[in-house]
Amino acid sequence: MTSACRTVIAGRTLANLMEACSDALYEFEGRNVNVSKRTLQLDIQLMRSDKLGYNAPIEVYDRKYYRYSDPAYTITDIPLTENDMNVLSETMNMLKQFQDFSLFSEFKGILNKLEDKIYTEKNRKSAIIHLDKNAELKGLRWLDELYQAILKEVVLKIMYQSFKAQYPTEVTFHPHLLKEFNNRWFLVGRKEGGNRVITYALDRILGVDYDFKTEYIPLGLDADTYYENTIGVTVLERERPQTVIFKVDRNNSPYILTKPFHHSQKIIEEHADGSITFAIYVHHNYELERLLLGFGECLEVLAPRLLRRNMRKKLKRAADLYQTA
């Protein structure tokens, strides 16, 4: 539909409308086009229908003039449909998940207006889409501060205490990336004077300060490439990825098919009993073992040998916990 034709209906004949549409096309798009009578009639029919949501009350009077039967009607103030409301409502709920970032501070006003619009258009209903978010997760309060430091390339003084450390330590840190995995947030960068990539869990950060005297040096890390062969956040830079082969029983293999463990996942063999053997090419890290262990007796690691041995030890220790009723 010619967008220009949407704006020129106001007590005119078809000839007037054809000329007005041609002029509008030239003015808005720089195109010198003569709008045909048939094109214009089809556009009017389209505006009258609900295909575009207009339902424009266009009428003909004196057998040749076109106008809106409702003088107050305008296509710029079209009521939203029920489907529009549902889509906007769910979109708004998804966007709200990122309200911890100041990046969205200017957008909050738009969200509030959208929420008001939805409220006036329909009765409130429960959200259809629910995203997993733990608002009580420790460390979320650092999100925006760290984001701004990365954006503005500021060196940080971070007070950090790992789960294994008895006391916290202060680290001069060049932040590069914020990464989310399994509903936890991590800060990725490097220590002052070092070249190794370091990952800090936000829930172990006790304090953040700025170091404006130290020059920020970019890490030069491409996240997609860096995490290409890794499940989670623990990248084993000094170790080569391995082909991990595992067999999943018939009841659980559909879950692995529809939600692969990794983008490298492929099927090795489909067995007569309905089980499937898969392979992925990844680093052997803590997150990989946790993922595989989560399937318990439904999954068997076939290779590599070290991973299979680790799985056997951990599953045996788990079984020992249930020796007594």
Protein backbone atom coordinates (compact mmCIF):
# COMPACT_ATOMS: atom_id res chain seq x y z
CA MET A 1 0.00 0.00 0.00
CA THR A 2 1.31 3.48 -0.87
CA SER A 3 1.95 5.21 2.45
CA ALA A 4 1.24 8.60 0.91
CA CYS A 5 -2.34 7.59 0.12
CA ARG A 6 -3.06 7.07 3.81
CA THR A 7 -2.81 10.79 4.51
CA VAL A 8 -4.77 12.52 1.78
CA ILE A 9 -8.40 11.36 2.13
CA ALA A 10 -10.47 14.43 2.93
CA GLY A 11 -13.48 15.06 0.69
CA ARG A 12 -11.78 14.48 -2.66
CA THR A 13 -12.60 12.76 -5.90
CA LEU A 14 -10.57 9.80 -7.18
CA ALA A 15 -8.80 12.12 -9.62
CA ASN A 16 -7.92 14.48 -6.78
CA LEU A 17 -6.68 11.59 -4.67
CA MET A 18 -4.55 10.18 -7.50
CA GLU A 19 -2.89 13.55 -7.99
CA ALA A 20 -2.41 14.10 -4.24
CA CYS A 21 -0.87 10.65 -3.79
CA SER A 22 1.53 11.22 -6.69
CA ASP A 23 2.57 14.58 -5.20
CA ALA A 24 3.04 13.02 -1.76
CA LEU A 25 5.19 10.20 -3.16
CA TYR A 26 7.41 12.74 -4.87
CA GLU A 27 7.67 14.86 -1.72
CA PHE A 28 8.29 12.01 0.75
CA GLU A 29 10.26 9.53 -1.34
CA GLY A 30 11.53 11.54 -4.31
CA ARG A 31 9.71 9.26 -6.73
CA ASN A 32 7.91 10.73 -9.74
CA VAL A 33 5.08 8.17 -10.00
CA ASN A 34 1.59 8.46 -11.41
CA VAL A 35 -0.70 6.51 -9.08
CA SER A 36 -3.22 4.50 -11.08
CA LYS A 37 -6.94 4.47 -10.40
CA ARG A 38 -6.90 0.73 -9.65
CA THR A 39 -4.00 1.07 -7.17
CA LEU A 40 -5.85 3.84 -5.36
CA GLN A 41 -9.09 1.84 -5.19
CA LEU A 42 -7.22 -1.17 -3.79
CA ASP A 43 -5.54 1.06 -1.21
CA ILE A 44 -8.88 2.45 -0.10
CA GLN A 45 -10.31 -1.06 0.27
CA LEU A 46 -7.26 -2.05 2.29
CA MET A 47 -7.68 0.95 4.57
CA ARG A 48 -11.33 0.05 5.08
CA SER A 49 -10.44 -3.51 6.11
CA ASP A 50 -8.81 -4.69 9.32
CA LYS A 51 -5.76 -6.19 7.59
CA LEU A 52 -3.62 -3.21 8.61
CA GLY A 53 -5.66 -2.47 11.70
CA TYR A 54 -7.11 0.76 10.27
CA ASN A 55 -10.78 -0.12 9.74
CA ALA A 56 -11.01 3.35 8.25
CA PRO A 57 -14.63 4.64 7.97
CA ILE A 58 -14.22 5.82 4.37
CA GLU A 59 -17.48 6.71 2.60
CA VAL A 60 -18.48 8.09 -0.78
CA TYR A 61 -20.97 10.96 -0.98
CA ASP A 62 -22.51 12.66 -3.99
CA ARG A 63 -21.30 9.54 -5.84
CA LYS A 64 -17.78 10.88 -6.35
CA TYR A 65 -16.32 12.41 -3.18
CA TYR A 66 -14.42 10.44 -0.54
CA ARG A 67 -14.24 11.29 3.14
CA TYR A 68 -14.17 9.78 6.63
CA SER A 69 -17.71 9.35 7.96
CA ASP A 70 -16.28 10.15 11.39
CA PRO A 71 -14.63 13.59 11.13
CA ALA A 72 -12.54 12.84 14.24
CA TYR A 73 -11.02 9.68 12.76
CA THR A 74 -7.28 9.62 12.09
CA ILE A 75 -4.99 6.71 11.22
CA THR A 76 -2.42 8.09 13.67
CA ASP A 77 -4.68 7.22 16.62
CA ILE A 78 -5.74 3.64 15.97
CA PRO A 79 -6.83 1.56 18.97
CA LEU A 80 -4.61 -1.44 19.62
CA THR A 81 -6.03 -4.90 19.07
CA GLU A 82 -6.09 -7.62 21.72
CA ASN A 83 -3.21 -9.34 19.96
CA ASP A 84 -1.27 -6.06 19.90
CA MET A 85 -1.84 -5.74 23.63
CA ASN A 86 -0.60 -9.25 24.34
CA VAL A 87 2.54 -8.82 22.25
CA LEU A 88 3.35 -5.41 23.78
CA SER A 89 2.67 -6.65 27.30
CA GLU A 90 5.00 -9.64 27.00
CA THR A 91 7.67 -7.58 25.24
CA MET A 92 7.53 -5.06 28.05
CA ASN A 93 7.91 -7.79 30.67
CA MET A 94 10.97 -9.15 28.88
CA LEU A 95 12.58 -5.71 28.61
CA LYS A 96 12.05 -5.16 32.32
CA GLN A 97 14.52 -7.97 33.00
CA PHE A 98 17.28 -5.53 32.02
CA GLN A 99 16.22 -2.63 34.22
CA ASP A 100 19.37 -3.02 36.36
CA PHE A 101 21.40 -1.38 33.58
CA SER A 102 21.48 2.41 33.22
CA LEU A 103 21.66 1.68 29.49
CA PHE A 104 17.87 1.34 29.76
CA SER A 105 17.30 4.35 32.02
CA GLU A 106 15.93 6.50 29.19
CA PHE A 107 13.84 3.58 28.04
CA LYS A 108 12.14 3.27 31.43
CA GLY A 109 9.94 6.26 30.59
CA ILE A 110 8.82 4.56 27.42
CA LEU A 111 8.09 1.37 29.36
CA ASN A 112 5.98 3.31 31.85
CA LYS A 113 4.00 4.95 29.04
CA LEU A 114 3.55 1.59 27.36
CA GLU A 115 2.39 0.05 30.61
CA ASP A 116 -0.15 2.85 31.08
CA LYS A 117 -1.38 2.38 27.54
CA ILE A 118 -1.83 -1.34 28.06
CA TYR A 119 -3.65 -0.74 31.34
CA THR A 120 -6.13 1.64 29.74
CA GLU A 121 -6.71 -0.64 26.77
CA LYS A 122 -7.45 -3.84 28.67
CA ASN A 123 -7.80 -5.37 32.10
CA ARG A 124 -4.59 -6.56 33.73
CA LYS A 125 -3.76 -10.21 33.17
CA SER A 126 -0.99 -12.41 34.44
CA ALA A 127 2.10 -12.55 32.24
CA ILE A 128 2.11 -15.35 29.69
CA ILE A 129 5.93 -15.40 29.47
CA HIS A 130 7.91 -15.82 32.68
CA LEU A 131 11.67 -15.39 32.62
CA ASP A 132 13.87 -16.91 35.30
CA LYS A 133 15.47 -14.15 37.35
CA ASN A 134 16.69 -14.25 40.92
CA ALA A 135 16.31 -10.69 42.18
CA GLU A 136 17.94 -11.66 45.51
CA LEU A 137 21.13 -12.89 43.84
CA LYS A 138 24.17 -11.32 45.50
CA GLY A 139 26.25 -9.06 43.31
CA LEU A 140 23.49 -7.69 41.10
CA ARG A 141 24.05 -4.25 42.61
CA TRP A 142 27.44 -4.11 40.88
CA LEU A 143 26.01 -4.73 37.41
CA ASP A 144 25.49 -1.17 36.29
CA GLU A 145 28.66 0.17 37.89
CA LEU A 146 30.76 -2.48 36.14
CA TYR A 147 28.91 -1.94 32.87
CA GLN A 148 29.70 1.78 32.99
CA ALA A 149 33.35 1.08 33.79
CA ILE A 150 33.66 -1.18 30.74
CA LEU A 151 31.81 1.30 28.55
CA LYS A 152 34.01 4.21 29.65
CA GLU A 153 37.20 2.11 29.85
CA VAL A 154 37.99 2.78 33.50
CA VAL A 155 40.40 0.68 35.57
CA LEU A 156 38.89 -0.67 38.79
CA LYS A 157 40.01 -1.47 42.31
CA ILE A 158 38.03 -4.60 43.20
CA MET A 159 37.79 -6.13 46.67
CA TYR A 160 37.28 -9.83 45.96
CA GLN A 161 37.01 -12.96 48.06
CA SER A 162 36.62 -16.33 46.39
CA PHE A 163 34.87 -19.19 48.15
CA LYS A 164 38.24 -20.77 48.84
CA ALA A 165 39.96 -17.63 50.19
CA GLN A 166 39.98 -16.94 53.91
CA TYR A 167 40.32 -13.17 53.44
CA PRO A 168 39.41 -10.73 50.65
CA THR A 169 42.11 -9.16 48.48
CA GLU A 170 42.16 -5.92 46.49
CA VAL A 171 42.93 -6.25 42.79
CA THR A 172 43.62 -3.58 40.17
CA PHE A 173 41.49 -4.81 37.30
CA HIS A 174 40.91 -3.89 33.65
CA PRO A 175 37.25 -4.89 33.02
CA HIS A 176 36.33 -6.04 29.54
CA LEU A 177 33.12 -8.05 29.55
CA LEU A 178 30.06 -8.94 31.63
CA LYS A 179 28.90 -12.53 31.11
CA GLU A 180 25.80 -14.30 32.36
CA PHE A 181 25.63 -18.05 32.80
CA ASN A 182 23.05 -20.15 34.63
CA ASN A 183 21.49 -17.04 36.18
CA ARG A 184 24.83 -15.84 37.63
CA TRP A 185 26.87 -12.85 36.44
CA PHE A 186 30.63 -12.72 35.92
CA LEU A 187 33.16 -9.97 35.22
CA VAL A 188 35.82 -10.84 32.66
CA GLY A 189 39.06 -8.91 32.21
CA ARG A 190 42.68 -8.93 33.34
CA LYS A 191 44.71 -7.87 36.34
CA GLU A 192 47.06 -4.90 36.10
CA GLY A 193 50.43 -6.11 34.80
CA GLY A 194 49.07 -9.47 33.64
CA ASN A 195 47.94 -10.86 30.30
CA ARG A 196 45.81 -13.77 31.48
CA VAL A 197 42.02 -13.53 31.20
CA ILE A 198 40.48 -13.52 34.69
CA THR A 199 36.84 -14.20 35.57
CA TYR A 200 35.29 -12.92 38.78
CA ALA A 201 31.83 -13.89 40.04
CA LEU A 202 29.86 -10.77 40.91
CA ASP A 203 28.47 -12.42 44.04
CA ARG A 204 32.03 -12.62 45.44
CA ILE A 205 32.82 -8.94 44.86
CA LEU A 206 32.78 -7.05 48.16
CA GLY A 207 33.67 -3.57 46.90
CA VAL A 208 34.37 -1.57 43.75
CA ASP A 209 36.38 1.66 43.37
CA TYR A 210 37.87 3.55 40.42
CA ASP A 211 41.54 3.94 39.53
CA PHE A 212 41.72 6.95 37.23
CA LYS A 213 45.54 7.13 37.43
CA THR A 214 46.13 3.77 35.73
CA GLU A 215 45.76 3.74 31.95
CA TYR A 216 43.09 1.34 30.72
CA ILE A 217 44.41 -1.25 28.27
CA PRO A 218 41.81 -3.13 26.19
CA LEU A 219 41.97 -6.89 26.39
CA GLY A 220 41.35 -7.36 22.67
CA LEU A 221 39.12 -10.36 23.32
CA ASP A 222 36.30 -11.46 21.04
CA ALA A 223 33.74 -13.14 23.32
CA ASP A 224 32.22 -15.38 20.64
CA THR A 225 35.64 -16.77 19.69
CA TYR A 226 36.88 -16.98 23.27
CA TYR A 227 33.90 -19.01 24.51
CA GLU A 228 33.43 -21.00 21.31
CA ASN A 229 34.54 -24.32 22.80
CA THR A 230 33.42 -23.73 26.37
CA ILE A 231 30.31 -24.56 28.35
CA GLY A 232 29.95 -21.95 31.09
CA VAL A 233 32.62 -19.39 31.98
CA THR A 234 35.73 -21.47 32.74
CA VAL A 235 37.89 -21.31 29.62
CA LEU A 236 40.95 -23.57 29.81
CA GLU A 237 43.23 -21.57 27.53
CA ARG A 238 46.23 -23.88 27.95
CA GLU A 239 44.30 -27.04 27.20
CA ARG A 240 42.89 -28.16 23.89
CA PRO A 241 39.14 -28.88 23.64
CA GLN A 242 38.23 -32.56 23.58
CA THR A 243 35.61 -34.64 21.86
CA VAL A 244 33.20 -35.70 24.61
CA ILE A 245 31.06 -38.72 23.70
CA PHE A 246 28.05 -39.59 25.83
CA LYS A 247 25.02 -41.84 25.56
CA VAL A 248 21.55 -40.75 26.68
CA ASP A 249 18.61 -43.08 27.30
CA ARG A 250 15.45 -43.02 25.18
CA ASN A 251 13.42 -40.97 27.66
CA ASN A 252 15.92 -38.12 27.88
CA SER A 253 17.48 -38.06 24.40
CA PRO A 254 14.64 -35.90 23.01
CA TYR A 255 15.60 -33.16 25.51
CA ILE A 256 19.20 -33.22 24.29
CA LEU A 257 18.05 -33.15 20.69
CA THR A 258 15.83 -30.11 21.19
CA LYS A 259 18.22 -28.30 23.56
CA PRO A 260 21.79 -29.25 22.61
CA PHE A 261 24.52 -29.02 25.24
CA HIS A 262 26.73 -27.11 22.81
CA HIS A 263 26.67 -25.78 19.24
CA SER A 264 29.16 -28.49 18.21
CA GLN A 265 26.80 -31.29 19.25
CA LYS A 266 26.18 -34.05 16.71
CA ILE A 267 24.64 -37.51 16.71
CA ILE A 268 27.09 -40.41 16.62
CA GLU A 269 24.65 -43.31 16.71
CA GLU A 270 20.94 -43.98 17.22
CA HIS A 271 20.43 -47.28 19.02
CA ALA A 272 17.66 -49.84 18.66
CA ASP A 273 16.47 -49.25 22.24
CA GLY A 274 15.84 -45.56 21.46
CA SER A 275 18.94 -44.24 23.20
CA ILE A 276 21.28 -41.92 21.28
CA THR A 277 25.03 -41.39 21.43
CA PHE A 278 26.12 -37.76 21.03
CA ALA A 279 29.44 -35.96 20.68
CA ILE A 280 30.46 -32.39 21.54
CA TYR A 281 33.81 -30.63 21.17
CA VAL A 282 34.49 -28.65 24.35
CA HIS A 283 36.91 -27.98 27.20
CA HIS A 284 36.75 -30.39 30.12
CA ASN A 285 35.80 -27.92 32.85
CA TYR A 286 33.73 -27.77 36.02
CA GLU A 287 30.58 -26.58 34.24
CA LEU A 288 30.70 -29.48 31.77
CA GLU A 289 30.84 -32.03 34.59
CA ARG A 290 27.97 -30.32 36.42
CA LEU A 291 25.86 -30.40 33.26
CA LEU A 292 26.51 -34.09 32.62
CA LEU A 293 26.02 -35.07 36.27
CA GLY A 294 22.64 -33.36 36.21
CA PHE A 295 21.26 -36.21 34.09
CA GLY A 296 22.28 -38.81 36.68
CA GLU A 297 21.64 -42.40 35.65
CA CYS A 298 20.11 -41.31 32.33
CA LEU A 299 23.46 -40.38 30.78
CA GLU A 300 26.70 -42.32 30.38
CA VAL A 301 29.98 -40.65 29.41
CA LEU A 302 31.90 -42.90 27.02
CA ALA A 303 34.94 -40.69 26.33
CA PRO A 304 37.39 -39.24 27.11
CA ARG A 305 38.65 -41.66 29.74
CA LEU A 306 39.55 -38.99 32.34
CA LEU A 307 36.07 -37.46 32.22
CA ARG A 308 34.46 -40.88 32.44
CA ARG A 309 36.62 -41.69 35.49
CA ASN A 310 35.68 -38.37 37.16
CA MET A 311 32.00 -39.03 36.54
CA ARG A 312 32.26 -42.53 38.05
CA LYS A 313 33.96 -41.22 41.20
CA LYS A 314 31.44 -38.45 41.75
CA LEU A 315 28.43 -40.63 41.09
CA LYS A 316 29.81 -43.27 43.46
CA ARG A 317 30.25 -40.64 46.19
CA ALA A 318 26.70 -39.46 45.53
CA ALA A 319 25.39 -43.03 45.77
CA ASP A 320 27.26 -43.54 49.04
CA LEU A 321 25.26 -40.69 50.58
CA TYR A 322 22.13 -42.81 50.16
CA GLN A 323 23.44 -46.09 51.57
CA THR A 324 21.39 -45.56 54.71
CA ALA A 325 17.66 -44.91 54.54
